[in-house]
Amino acid sequence: MRRISYAETVLGTDERLGDLLLEYAALLARTSSADTVILPCRVGAGEVEAVSILVGPASQIAAWSDDEPFGVDVSAAVADLERRIAVAGGTPRTAPGSIGPGALDDFDELA
């Protein structure tokens, strides 16, 4: 499962959805756009609910993995986020959790 910290709330969702959410947020930030997406997330005592998340240039989203499986079919939400990324001018990464070259700054200049 992918944990997402957003607006002082921690949500649990599928690994692929968490990756796509971060990718979409970064794409929207580069294009100075915003959008609302709905993701199936575990909230409260573990129930799965549809959660609306506003993503855009000012979004402060953090995500990390844990060993707990999400265990819910998220294929429709994955397809929706992949479509949104394509429409916004991006190309969804094919490998879940993959990070392309240059995607992360290694902070060498701060050493």
PDB file of N, CA and C in Angstrom:
ATOM      1  N   MET A   1       0.857  -1.170   0.000  1.00  0.00           N
ATOM      2  CA  MET A   1       0.000   0.000   0.000  1.00  0.00           C
ATOM      3  C   MET A   1       0.902   1.232   0.000  1.00  0.00           C
ATOM      4  N   ARG A   2       0.411   2.290  -0.599  1.00  0.00           N
ATOM      5  CA  ARG A   2       1.125   3.561  -0.639  1.00  0.00           C
ATOM      6  C   ARG A   2       0.402   4.516   0.307  1.00  0.00           C
ATOM      7  N   ARG A   3       1.136   5.038   1.272  1.00  0.00           N
ATOM      8  CA  ARG A   3       0.587   6.049   2.184  1.00  0.00           C
ATOM      9  C   ARG A   3       0.819   7.413   1.556  1.00  0.00           C
ATOM     10  N   ILE A   4      -0.195   8.255   1.617  1.00  0.00           N
ATOM     11  CA  ILE A   4      -0.111   9.599   1.058  1.00  0.00           C
ATOM     12  C   ILE A   4      -0.439  10.588   2.159  1.00  0.00           C
ATOM     13  N   SER A   5       0.458  11.528   2.363  1.00  0.00           N
ATOM     14  CA  SER A   5       0.207  12.605   3.307  1.00  0.00           C
ATOM     15  C   SER A   5      -0.239  13.815   2.503  1.00  0.00           C
ATOM     16  N   TYR A   6      -1.429  14.305   2.828  1.00  0.00           N
ATOM     17  CA  TYR A   6      -2.000  15.423   2.093  1.00  0.00           C
ATOM     18  C   TYR A   6      -2.864  16.228   3.056  1.00  0.00           C
ATOM     19  N   ALA A   7      -2.579  17.505   3.171  1.00  0.00           N
ATOM     20  CA  ALA A   7      -3.377  18.403   4.015  1.00  0.00           C
ATOM     21  C   ALA A   7      -3.544  17.853   5.438  1.00  0.00           C
ATOM     22  N   GLU A   8      -2.432  17.453   6.039  1.00  0.00           N
ATOM     23  CA  GLU A   8      -2.408  16.953   7.410  1.00  0.00           C
ATOM     24  C   GLU A   8      -3.215  15.674   7.615  1.00  0.00           C
ATOM     25  N   THR A   9      -3.466  14.956   6.524  1.00  0.00           N
ATOM     26  CA  THR A   9      -4.186  13.693   6.585  1.00  0.00           C
ATOM     27  C   THR A   9      -3.331  12.624   5.918  1.00  0.00           C
ATOM     28  N   VAL A  10      -3.321  11.431   6.477  1.00  0.00           N
ATOM     29  CA  VAL A  10      -2.605  10.325   5.848  1.00  0.00           C
ATOM     30  C   VAL A  10      -3.638   9.328   5.335  1.00  0.00           C
ATOM     31  N   LEU A  11      -3.543   9.051   4.035  1.00  0.00           N
ATOM     32  CA  LEU A  11      -4.451   8.132   3.366  1.00  0.00           C
ATOM     33  C   LEU A  11      -3.668   6.934   2.872  1.00  0.00           C
ATOM     34  N   GLY A  12      -4.319   5.807   2.713  1.00  0.00           N
ATOM     35  CA  GLY A  12      -3.689   4.636   2.130  1.00  0.00           C
ATOM     36  C   GLY A  12      -4.348   4.320   0.804  1.00  0.00           C
ATOM     37  N   THR A  13      -3.536   4.027  -0.217  1.00  0.00           N
ATOM     38  CA  THR A  13      -4.079   3.658  -1.517  1.00  0.00           C
ATOM     39  C   THR A  13      -3.158   2.651  -2.179  1.00  0.00           C
ATOM     40  N   ASP A  14      -3.490   2.274  -3.366  1.00  0.00           N
ATOM     41  CA  ASP A  14      -2.700   1.342  -4.153  1.00  0.00           C
ATOM     42  C   ASP A  14      -1.355   1.966  -4.539  1.00  0.00           C
ATOM     43  N   GLU A  15      -0.310   1.150  -4.624  1.00  0.00           N
ATOM     44  CA  GLU A  15       1.030   1.644  -4.984  1.00  0.00           C
ATOM     45  C   GLU A  15       1.018   2.394  -6.312  1.00  0.00           C
ATOM     46  N   ARG A  16       0.423   1.809  -7.326  1.00  0.00           N
ATOM     47  CA  ARG A  16       0.401   2.435  -8.660  1.00  0.00           C
ATOM     48  C   ARG A  16      -0.350   3.765  -8.614  1.00  0.00           C
ATOM     49  N   LEU A  17      -1.457   3.814  -7.899  1.00  0.00           N
ATOM     50  CA  LEU A  17      -2.209   5.066  -7.793  1.00  0.00           C
ATOM     51  C   LEU A  17      -1.396   6.146  -7.093  1.00  0.00           C
ATOM     52  N   GLY A  18      -0.684   5.775  -6.056  1.00  0.00           N
ATOM     53  CA  GLY A  18       0.166   6.742  -5.361  1.00  0.00           C
ATOM     54  C   GLY A  18       1.230   7.308  -6.272  1.00  0.00           C
ATOM     55  N   ASP A  19       1.866   6.436  -7.069  1.00  0.00           N
ATOM     56  CA  ASP A  19       2.878   6.893  -8.023  1.00  0.00           C
ATOM     57  C   ASP A  19       2.275   7.831  -9.068  1.00  0.00           C
ATOM     58  N   LEU A  20       1.121   7.451  -9.606  1.00  0.00           N
ATOM     59  CA  LEU A  20       0.470   8.278 -10.627  1.00  0.00           C
ATOM     60  C   LEU A  20       0.019   9.621 -10.062  1.00  0.00           C
ATOM     61  N   LEU A  21      -0.457   9.634  -8.824  1.00  0.00           N
ATOM     62  CA  LEU A  21      -0.864  10.891  -8.207  1.00  0.00           C
ATOM     63  C   LEU A  21       0.315  11.861  -8.125  1.00  0.00           C
ATOM     64  N   LEU A  22       1.472  11.381  -7.676  1.00  0.00           N
ATOM     65  CA  LEU A  22       2.651  12.244  -7.601  1.00  0.00           C
ATOM     66  C   LEU A  22       3.084  12.712  -8.987  1.00  0.00           C
ATOM     67  N   GLU A  23       3.036  11.805  -9.944  1.00  0.00           N
ATOM     68  CA  GLU A  23       3.405  12.162 -11.319  1.00  0.00           C
ATOM     69  C   GLU A  23       2.465  13.237 -11.874  1.00  0.00           C
ATOM     70  N   TYR A  24       1.174  13.072 -11.647  1.00  0.00           N
ATOM     71  CA  TYR A  24       0.195  14.039 -12.136  1.00  0.00           C
ATOM     72  C   TYR A  24       0.360  15.388 -11.433  1.00  0.00           C
ATOM     73  N   ALA A  25       0.603  15.368 -10.140  1.00  0.00           N
ATOM     74  CA  ALA A  25       0.813  16.615  -9.397  1.00  0.00           C
ATOM     75  C   ALA A  25       2.032  17.366  -9.938  1.00  0.00           C
ATOM     76  N   ALA A  26       3.110  16.643 -10.229  1.00  0.00           N
ATOM     77  CA  ALA A  26       4.313  17.283 -10.775  1.00  0.00           C
ATOM     78  C   ALA A  26       4.038  17.866 -12.152  1.00  0.00           C
ATOM     79  N   LEU A  27       3.309  17.143 -12.983  1.00  0.00           N
ATOM     80  CA  LEU A  27       2.964  17.642 -14.321  1.00  0.00           C
ATOM     81  C   LEU A  27       2.096  18.897 -14.229  1.00  0.00           C
ATOM     82  N   LEU A  28       1.113  18.885 -13.349  1.00  0.00           N
ATOM     83  CA  LEU A  28       0.262  20.059 -13.179  1.00  0.00           C
ATOM     84  C   LEU A  28       1.061  21.242 -12.648  1.00  0.00           C
ATOM     85  N   ALA A  29       2.004  20.997 -11.771  1.00  0.00           N
ATOM     86  CA  ALA A  29       2.837  22.087 -11.255  1.00  0.00           C
ATOM     87  C   ALA A  29       3.664  22.709 -12.378  1.00  0.00           C
ATOM     88  N   ARG A  30       4.211  21.868 -13.270  1.00  0.00           N
ATOM     89  CA  ARG A  30       5.011  22.392 -14.383  1.00  0.00           C
ATOM     90  C   ARG A  30       4.180  23.215 -15.355  1.00  0.00           C
ATOM     91  N   THR A  31       2.887  22.922 -15.438  1.00  0.00           N
ATOM     92  CA  THR A  31       2.020  23.642 -16.376  1.00  0.00           C
ATOM     93  C   THR A  31       1.144  24.683 -15.671  1.00  0.00           C
ATOM     94  N   SER A  32       1.429  24.942 -14.392  1.00  0.00           N
ATOM     95  CA  SER A  32       0.658  25.905 -13.586  1.00  0.00           C
ATOM     96  C   SER A  32      -0.842  25.637 -13.665  1.00  0.00           C
ATOM     97  N   SER A  33      -1.210  24.376 -13.535  1.00  0.00           N
ATOM     98  CA  SER A  33      -2.611  23.962 -13.590  1.00  0.00           C
ATOM     99  C   SER A  33      -2.995  23.262 -12.294  1.00  0.00           C
ATOM    100  N   ALA A  34      -4.268  23.047 -12.126  1.00  0.00           N
ATOM    101  CA  ALA A  34      -4.761  22.303 -10.971  1.00  0.00           C
ATOM    102  C   ALA A  34      -5.921  21.429 -11.425  1.00  0.00           C
ATOM    103  N   ASP A  35      -6.191  20.388 -10.668  1.00  0.00           N
ATOM    104  CA  ASP A  35      -7.288  19.480 -10.991  1.00  0.00           C
ATOM    105  C   ASP A  35      -7.678  18.757  -9.705  1.00  0.00           C
ATOM    106  N   THR A  36      -8.865  18.213  -9.694  1.00  0.00           N
ATOM    107  CA  THR A  36      -9.322  17.391  -8.585  1.00  0.00           C
ATOM    108  C   THR A  36      -9.443  15.961  -9.084  1.00  0.00           C
ATOM    109  N   VAL A  37      -8.840  15.042  -8.366  1.00  0.00           N
ATOM    110  CA  VAL A  37      -8.940  13.626  -8.711  1.00  0.00           C
ATOM    111  C   VAL A  37      -9.622  12.897  -7.568  1.00  0.00           C
ATOM    112  N   ILE A  38     -10.251  11.802  -7.895  1.00  0.00           N
ATOM    113  CA  ILE A  38     -10.921  10.980  -6.889  1.00  0.00           C
ATOM    114  C   ILE A  38     -10.226   9.629  -6.874  1.00  0.00           C
ATOM    115  N   LEU A  39      -9.716   9.258  -5.697  1.00  0.00           N
ATOM    116  CA  LEU A  39      -9.001   7.998  -5.542  1.00  0.00           C
ATOM    117  C   LEU A  39      -9.655   7.144  -4.467  1.00  0.00           C
ATOM    118  N   PRO A  40      -9.666   5.822  -4.668  1.00  0.00           N
ATOM    119  CA  PRO A  40     -10.099   4.949  -3.577  1.00  0.00           C
ATOM    120  C   PRO A  40      -8.993   4.915  -2.523  1.00  0.00           C
ATOM    121  N   CYS A  41      -9.332   5.235  -1.292  1.00  0.00           N
ATOM    122  CA  CYS A  41      -8.343   5.298  -0.212  1.00  0.00           C
ATOM    123  C   CYS A  41      -8.897   4.661   1.052  1.00  0.00           C
ATOM    124  N   ARG A  42      -7.997   4.103   1.855  1.00  0.00           N
ATOM    125  CA  ARG A  42      -8.370   3.623   3.184  1.00  0.00           C
ATOM    126  C   ARG A  42      -8.308   4.810   4.132  1.00  0.00           C
ATOM    127  N   VAL A  43      -9.382   5.007   4.862  1.00  0.00           N
ATOM    128  CA  VAL A  43      -9.458   6.116   5.816  1.00  0.00           C
ATOM    129  C   VAL A  43      -9.998   5.584   7.138  1.00  0.00           C
ATOM    130  N   GLY A  44      -9.843   6.364   8.167  1.00  0.00           N
ATOM    131  CA  GLY A  44     -10.408   5.991   9.467  1.00  0.00           C
ATOM    132  C   GLY A  44      -9.985   4.612   9.912  1.00  0.00           C
ATOM    133  N   ALA A  45     -10.950   3.755  10.166  1.00  0.00           N
ATOM    134  CA  ALA A  45     -10.695   2.411  10.674  1.00  0.00           C
ATOM    135  C   ALA A  45     -10.373   1.418   9.558  1.00  0.00           C
ATOM    136  N   GLY A  46     -10.057   1.919   8.375  1.00  0.00           N
ATOM    137  CA  GLY A  46      -9.652   1.033   7.292  1.00  0.00           C
ATOM    138  C   GLY A  46     -10.664   0.853   6.188  1.00  0.00           C
ATOM    139  N   GLU A  47     -11.787   1.560   6.257  1.00  0.00           N
ATOM    140  CA  GLU A  47     -12.773   1.452   5.193  1.00  0.00           C
ATOM    141  C   GLU A  47     -12.206   2.088   3.930  1.00  0.00           C
ATOM    142  N   VAL A  48     -12.592   1.576   2.758  1.00  0.00           N
ATOM    143  CA  VAL A  48     -12.186   2.183   1.496  1.00  0.00           C
ATOM    144  C   VAL A  48     -13.280   3.148   1.077  1.00  0.00           C
ATOM    145  N   GLU A  49     -12.882   4.390   0.832  1.00  0.00           N
ATOM    146  CA  GLU A  49     -13.811   5.432   0.409  1.00  0.00           C
ATOM    147  C   GLU A  49     -13.228   6.182  -0.770  1.00  0.00           C
ATOM    148  N   ALA A  50     -14.086   6.812  -1.546  1.00  0.00           N
ATOM    149  CA  ALA A  50     -13.636   7.691  -2.619  1.00  0.00           C
ATOM    150  C   ALA A  50     -13.233   9.015  -1.981  1.00  0.00           C
ATOM    151  N   VAL A  51     -11.984   9.419  -2.207  1.00  0.00           N
ATOM    152  CA  VAL A  51     -11.460  10.644  -1.613  1.00  0.00           C
ATOM    153  C   VAL A  51     -11.104  11.616  -2.733  1.00  0.00           C
ATOM    154  N   SER A  52     -11.611  12.847  -2.645  1.00  0.00           N
ATOM    155  CA  SER A  52     -11.276  13.885  -3.620  1.00  0.00           C
ATOM    156  C   SER A  52     -10.017  14.599  -3.171  1.00  0.00           C
ATOM    157  N   ILE A  53      -9.054  14.734  -4.090  1.00  0.00           N
ATOM    158  CA  ILE A  53      -7.780  15.371  -3.783  1.00  0.00           C
ATOM    159  C   ILE A  53      -7.519  16.453  -4.819  1.00  0.00           C
ATOM    160  N   LEU A  54      -7.312  17.680  -4.355  1.00  0.00           N
ATOM    161  CA  LEU A  54      -6.958  18.788  -5.238  1.00  0.00           C
ATOM    162  C   LEU A  54      -5.455  18.766  -5.441  1.00  0.00           C
ATOM    163  N   VAL A  55      -5.012  18.646  -6.683  1.00  0.00           N
ATOM    164  CA  VAL A  55      -3.580  18.651  -6.988  1.00  0.00           C
ATOM    165  C   VAL A  55      -3.266  19.808  -7.920  1.00  0.00           C
ATOM    166  N   GLY A  56      -2.128  20.415  -7.693  1.00  0.00           N
ATOM    167  CA  GLY A  56      -1.714  21.542  -8.519  1.00  0.00           C
ATOM    168  C   GLY A  56      -0.393  22.093  -8.048  1.00  0.00           C
ATOM    169  N   PRO A  57      -0.056  23.280  -8.498  1.00  0.00           N
ATOM    170  CA  PRO A  57       1.253  23.857  -8.197  1.00  0.00           C
ATOM    171  C   PRO A  57       1.572  23.992  -6.708  1.00  0.00           C
ATOM    172  N   ALA A  58       0.577  24.197  -5.880  1.00  0.00           N
ATOM    173  CA  ALA A  58       0.838  24.400  -4.456  1.00  0.00           C
ATOM    174  C   ALA A  58       0.622  23.132  -3.622  1.00  0.00           C
ATOM    175  N   SER A  59       0.350  22.004  -4.280  1.00  0.00           N
ATOM    176  CA  SER A  59       0.117  20.758  -3.545  1.00  0.00           C
ATOM    177  C   SER A  59       1.363  20.324  -2.796  1.00  0.00           C
ATOM    178  N   GLN A  60       1.162  19.951  -1.565  1.00  0.00           N
ATOM    179  CA  GLN A  60       2.249  19.405  -0.759  1.00  0.00           C
ATOM    180  C   GLN A  60       1.870  17.972  -0.419  1.00  0.00           C
ATOM    181  N   ILE A  61       2.330  17.063  -1.272  1.00  0.00           N
ATOM    182  CA  ILE A  61       1.983  15.661  -1.142  1.00  0.00           C
ATOM    183  C   ILE A  61       3.256  14.869  -0.878  1.00  0.00           C
ATOM    184  N   ALA A  62       3.204  14.000   0.102  1.00  0.00           N
ATOM    185  CA  ALA A  62       4.311  13.079   0.360  1.00  0.00           C
ATOM    186  C   ALA A  62       3.738  11.671   0.287  1.00  0.00           C
ATOM    187  N   ALA A  63       4.545  10.724  -0.194  1.00  0.00           N
ATOM    188  CA  ALA A  63       4.075   9.344  -0.305  1.00  0.00           C
ATOM    189  C   ALA A  63       5.181   8.382   0.090  1.00  0.00           C
ATOM    190  N   TRP A  64       4.802   7.284   0.731  1.00  0.00           N
ATOM    191  CA  TRP A  64       5.753   6.254   1.086  1.00  0.00           C
ATOM    192  C   TRP A  64       5.022   4.919   1.094  1.00  0.00           C
ATOM    193  N   SER A  65       5.778   3.841   0.961  1.00  0.00           N
ATOM    194  CA  SER A  65       5.208   2.503   0.911  1.00  0.00           C
ATOM    195  C   SER A  65       5.270   1.836   2.274  1.00  0.00           C
ATOM    196  N   ASP A  66       4.326   0.944   2.491  1.00  0.00           N
ATOM    197  CA  ASP A  66       4.415   0.057   3.636  1.00  0.00           C
ATOM    198  C   ASP A  66       4.154  -1.360   3.135  1.00  0.00           C
ATOM    199  N   ASP A  67       4.242  -2.322   4.001  1.00  0.00           N
ATOM    200  CA  ASP A  67       4.118  -3.720   3.583  1.00  0.00           C
ATOM    201  C   ASP A  67       2.680  -4.203   3.485  1.00  0.00           C
ATOM    202  N   GLU A  68       1.738  -3.393   3.883  1.00  0.00           N
ATOM    203  CA  GLU A  68       0.344  -3.799   3.877  1.00  0.00           C
ATOM    204  C   GLU A  68      -0.231  -3.730   2.462  1.00  0.00           C
ATOM    205  N   PRO A  69      -0.888  -4.787   1.990  1.00  0.00           N
ATOM    206  CA  PRO A  69      -1.499  -4.730   0.654  1.00  0.00           C
ATOM    207  C   PRO A  69      -2.762  -3.871   0.679  1.00  0.00           C
ATOM    208  N   PHE A  70      -3.055  -3.202  -0.436  1.00  0.00           N
ATOM    209  CA  PHE A  70      -4.269  -2.394  -0.519  1.00  0.00           C
ATOM    210  C   PHE A  70      -5.479  -3.297  -0.744  1.00  0.00           C
ATOM    211  N   GLY A  71      -5.352  -4.267  -1.646  1.00  0.00           N
ATOM    212  CA  GLY A  71      -6.369  -5.295  -1.810  1.00  0.00           C
ATOM    213  C   GLY A  71      -7.685  -4.890  -2.425  1.00  0.00           C
ATOM    214  N   VAL A  72      -7.704  -3.813  -3.205  1.00  0.00           N
ATOM    215  CA  VAL A  72      -8.935  -3.362  -3.843  1.00  0.00           C
ATOM    216  C   VAL A  72      -8.634  -3.133  -5.314  1.00  0.00           C
ATOM    217  N   ASP A  73      -9.577  -3.480  -6.193  1.00  0.00           N
ATOM    218  CA  ASP A  73      -9.391  -3.252  -7.630  1.00  0.00           C
ATOM    219  C   ASP A  73      -9.409  -1.747  -7.906  1.00  0.00           C
ATOM    220  N   VAL A  74      -8.306  -1.255  -8.450  1.00  0.00           N
ATOM    221  CA  VAL A  74      -8.175   0.184  -8.711  1.00  0.00           C
ATOM    222  C   VAL A  74      -7.984   0.458 -10.198  1.00  0.00           C
ATOM    223  N   SER A  75      -8.301  -0.518 -11.043  1.00  0.00           N
ATOM    224  CA  SER A  75      -8.029  -0.373 -12.477  1.00  0.00           C
ATOM    225  C   SER A  75      -8.726   0.836 -13.091  1.00  0.00           C
ATOM    226  N   ALA A  76      -9.938   1.152 -12.674  1.00  0.00           N
ATOM    227  CA  ALA A  76     -10.640   2.319 -13.233  1.00  0.00           C
ATOM    228  C   ALA A  76      -9.951   3.613 -12.813  1.00  0.00           C
ATOM    229  N   ALA A  77      -9.508   3.705 -11.570  1.00  0.00           N
ATOM    230  CA  ALA A  77      -8.814   4.911 -11.097  1.00  0.00           C
ATOM    231  C   ALA A  77      -7.450   5.053 -11.767  1.00  0.00           C
ATOM    232  N   VAL A  78      -6.743   3.943 -11.975  1.00  0.00           N
ATOM    233  CA  VAL A  78      -5.463   3.976 -12.676  1.00  0.00           C
ATOM    234  C   VAL A  78      -5.666   4.472 -14.099  1.00  0.00           C
ATOM    235  N   ALA A  79      -6.658   3.922 -14.796  1.00  0.00           N
ATOM    236  CA  ALA A  79      -6.941   4.335 -16.176  1.00  0.00           C
ATOM    237  C   ALA A  79      -7.296   5.821 -16.232  1.00  0.00           C
ATOM    238  N   ASP A  80      -8.064   6.299 -15.253  1.00  0.00           N
ATOM    239  CA  ASP A  80      -8.444   7.714 -15.225  1.00  0.00           C
ATOM    240  C   ASP A  80      -7.220   8.612 -15.046  1.00  0.00           C
ATOM    241  N   LEU A  81      -6.344   8.277 -14.106  1.00  0.00           N
ATOM    242  CA  LEU A  81      -5.148   9.100 -13.891  1.00  0.00           C
ATOM    243  C   LEU A  81      -4.205   9.038 -15.089  1.00  0.00           C
ATOM    244  N   GLU A  82      -4.045   7.867 -15.689  1.00  0.00           N
ATOM    245  CA  GLU A  82      -3.204   7.765 -16.884  1.00  0.00           C
ATOM    246  C   GLU A  82      -3.765   8.618 -18.018  1.00  0.00           C
ATOM    247  N   ARG A  83      -5.100   8.627 -18.175  1.00  0.00           N
ATOM    248  CA  ARG A  83      -5.744   9.461 -19.202  1.00  0.00           C
ATOM    249  C   ARG A  83      -5.510  10.939 -18.916  1.00  0.00           C
ATOM    250  N   ARG A  84      -5.652  11.347 -17.665  1.00  0.00           N
ATOM    251  CA  ARG A  84      -5.439  12.745 -17.294  1.00  0.00           C
ATOM    252  C   ARG A  84      -3.994  13.172 -17.568  1.00  0.00           C
ATOM    253  N   ILE A  85      -3.049  12.299 -17.260  1.00  0.00           N
ATOM    254  CA  ILE A  85      -1.639  12.610 -17.514  1.00  0.00           C
ATOM    255  C   ILE A  85      -1.403  12.768 -19.009  1.00  0.00           C
ATOM    256  N   ALA A  86      -1.973  11.877 -19.811  1.00  0.00           N
ATOM    257  CA  ALA A  86      -1.809  11.967 -21.265  1.00  0.00           C
ATOM    258  C   ALA A  86      -2.439  13.240 -21.817  1.00  0.00           C
ATOM    259  N   VAL A  87      -3.633  13.590 -21.354  1.00  0.00           N
ATOM    260  CA  VAL A  87      -4.318  14.803 -21.827  1.00  0.00           C
ATOM    261  C   VAL A  87      -3.528  16.051 -21.436  1.00  0.00           C
ATOM    262  N   ALA A  88      -2.897  16.028 -20.271  1.00  0.00           N
ATOM    263  CA  ALA A  88      -2.124  17.188 -19.802  1.00  0.00           C
ATOM    264  C   ALA A  88      -0.762  17.284 -20.484  1.00  0.00           C
ATOM    265  N   GLY A  89      -0.458  16.313 -21.327  1.00  0.00           N
ATOM    266  CA  GLY A  89       0.785  16.393 -22.084  1.00  0.00           C
ATOM    267  C   GLY A  89       1.911  15.547 -21.568  1.00  0.00           C
ATOM    268  N   GLY A  90       1.631  14.685 -20.640  1.00  0.00           N
ATOM    269  CA  GLY A  90       2.674  13.810 -20.104  1.00  0.00           C
ATOM    270  C   GLY A  90       2.509  12.399 -20.622  1.00  0.00           C
ATOM    271  N   THR A  91       3.427  11.550 -20.268  1.00  0.00           N
ATOM    272  CA  THR A  91       3.363  10.139 -20.602  1.00  0.00           C
ATOM    273  C   THR A  91       3.533   9.358 -19.312  1.00  0.00           C
ATOM    274  N   PRO A  92       2.498   8.613 -18.886  1.00  0.00           N
ATOM    275  CA  PRO A  92       2.635   7.857 -17.648  1.00  0.00           C
ATOM    276  C   PRO A  92       3.803   6.880 -17.729  1.00  0.00           C
ATOM    277  N   ARG A  93       4.557   6.783 -16.664  1.00  0.00           N
ATOM    278  CA  ARG A  93       5.643   5.801 -16.611  1.00  0.00           C
ATOM    279  C   ARG A  93       5.032   4.418 -16.655  1.00  0.00           C
ATOM    280  N   THR A  94       5.719   3.502 -17.308  1.00  0.00           N
ATOM    281  CA  THR A  94       5.166   2.159 -17.449  1.00  0.00           C
ATOM    282  C   THR A  94       5.447   1.286 -16.244  1.00  0.00           C
ATOM    283  N   ALA A  95       6.560   1.514 -15.560  1.00  0.00           N
ATOM    284  CA  ALA A  95       6.902   0.670 -14.418  1.00  0.00           C
ATOM    285  C   ALA A  95       6.477   1.334 -13.119  1.00  0.00           C
ATOM    286  N   PRO A  96       5.632   0.683 -12.320  1.00  0.00           N
ATOM    287  CA  PRO A  96       5.245   1.276 -11.045  1.00  0.00           C
ATOM    288  C   PRO A  96       6.475   1.532 -10.180  1.00  0.00           C
ATOM    289  N   GLY A  97       6.513   2.703  -9.589  1.00  0.00           N
ATOM    290  CA  GLY A  97       7.592   3.031  -8.682  1.00  0.00           C
ATOM    291  C   GLY A  97       8.885   3.439  -9.357  1.00  0.00           C
ATOM    292  N   SER A  98       8.920   3.451 -10.695  1.00  0.00           N
ATOM    293  CA  SER A  98      10.167   3.806 -11.363  1.00  0.00           C
ATOM    294  C   SER A  98      10.352   5.312 -11.371  1.00  0.00           C
ATOM    295  N   ILE A  99      11.577   5.727 -11.286  1.00  0.00           N
ATOM    296  CA  ILE A  99      11.906   7.144 -11.329  1.00  0.00           C
ATOM    297  C   ILE A  99      12.922   7.336 -12.441  1.00  0.00           C
ATOM    298  N   GLY A 100      12.581   8.185 -13.396  1.00  0.00           N
ATOM    299  CA  GLY A 100      13.446   8.396 -14.545  1.00  0.00           C
ATOM    300  C   GLY A 100      14.689   9.190 -14.204  1.00  0.00           C
ATOM    301  N   PRO A 101      15.698   9.137 -15.114  1.00  0.00           N
ATOM    302  CA  PRO A 101      16.931   9.882 -14.893  1.00  0.00           C
ATOM    303  C   PRO A 101      16.648  11.378 -14.757  1.00  0.00           C
ATOM    304  N   GLY A 102      17.294  11.997 -13.816  1.00  0.00           N
ATOM    305  CA  GLY A 102      17.131  13.432 -13.609  1.00  0.00           C
ATOM    306  C   GLY A 102      15.885  13.814 -12.849  1.00  0.00           C
ATOM    307  N   ALA A 103      15.059  12.834 -12.458  1.00  0.00           N
ATOM    308  CA  ALA A 103      13.820  13.142 -11.753  1.00  0.00           C
ATOM    309  C   ALA A 103      14.076  13.606 -10.327  1.00  0.00           C
ATOM    310  N   LEU A 104      15.179  13.153  -9.752  1.00  0.00           N
ATOM    311  CA  LEU A 104      15.499  13.545  -8.396  1.00  0.00           C
ATOM    312  C   LEU A 104      16.807  14.325  -8.386  1.00  0.00           C
ATOM    313  N   ASP A 105      16.860  15.333  -7.602  1.00  0.00           N
ATOM    314  CA  ASP A 105      18.075  16.107  -7.434  1.00  0.00           C
ATOM    315  C   ASP A 105      18.902  15.423  -6.347  1.00  0.00           C
ATOM    316  N   ASP A 106      20.183  15.196  -6.620  1.00  0.00           N
ATOM    317  CA  ASP A 106      20.995  14.489  -5.638  1.00  0.00           C
ATOM    318  C   ASP A 106      21.621  15.440  -4.610  1.00  0.00           C
ATOM    319  N   PHE A 107      21.358  16.707  -4.714  1.00  0.00           N
ATOM    320  CA  PHE A 107      21.752  17.718  -3.740  1.00  0.00           C
ATOM    321  C   PHE A 107      23.260  17.815  -3.543  1.00  0.00           C
ATOM    322  N   ASP A 108      24.059  17.420  -4.562  1.00  0.00           N
ATOM    323  CA  ASP A 108      25.512  17.519  -4.472  1.00  0.00           C
ATOM    324  C   ASP A 108      25.985  18.939  -4.188  1.00  0.00           C
ATOM    325  N   GLU A 109      25.277  19.908  -4.755  1.00  0.00           N
ATOM    326  CA  GLU A 109      25.723  21.286  -4.581  1.00  0.00           C
ATOM    327  C   GLU A 109      25.581  21.778  -3.138  1.00  0.00           C
ATOM    328  N   LEU A 110      24.861  21.046  -2.302  1.00  0.00           N
ATOM    329  CA  LEU A 110      24.691  21.451  -0.913  1.00  0.00           C
ATOM    330  C   LEU A 110      25.766  20.862  -0.006  1.00  0.00           C
ATOM    331  N   ALA A 111      26.542  19.921  -0.510  1.00  0.00           N
ATOM    332  CA  ALA A 111      27.551  19.239   0.319  1.00  0.00           C
ATOM    333  C   ALA A 111      28.769  20.114   0.531  1.00  0.00           C
TER     334      ALA A 111
END
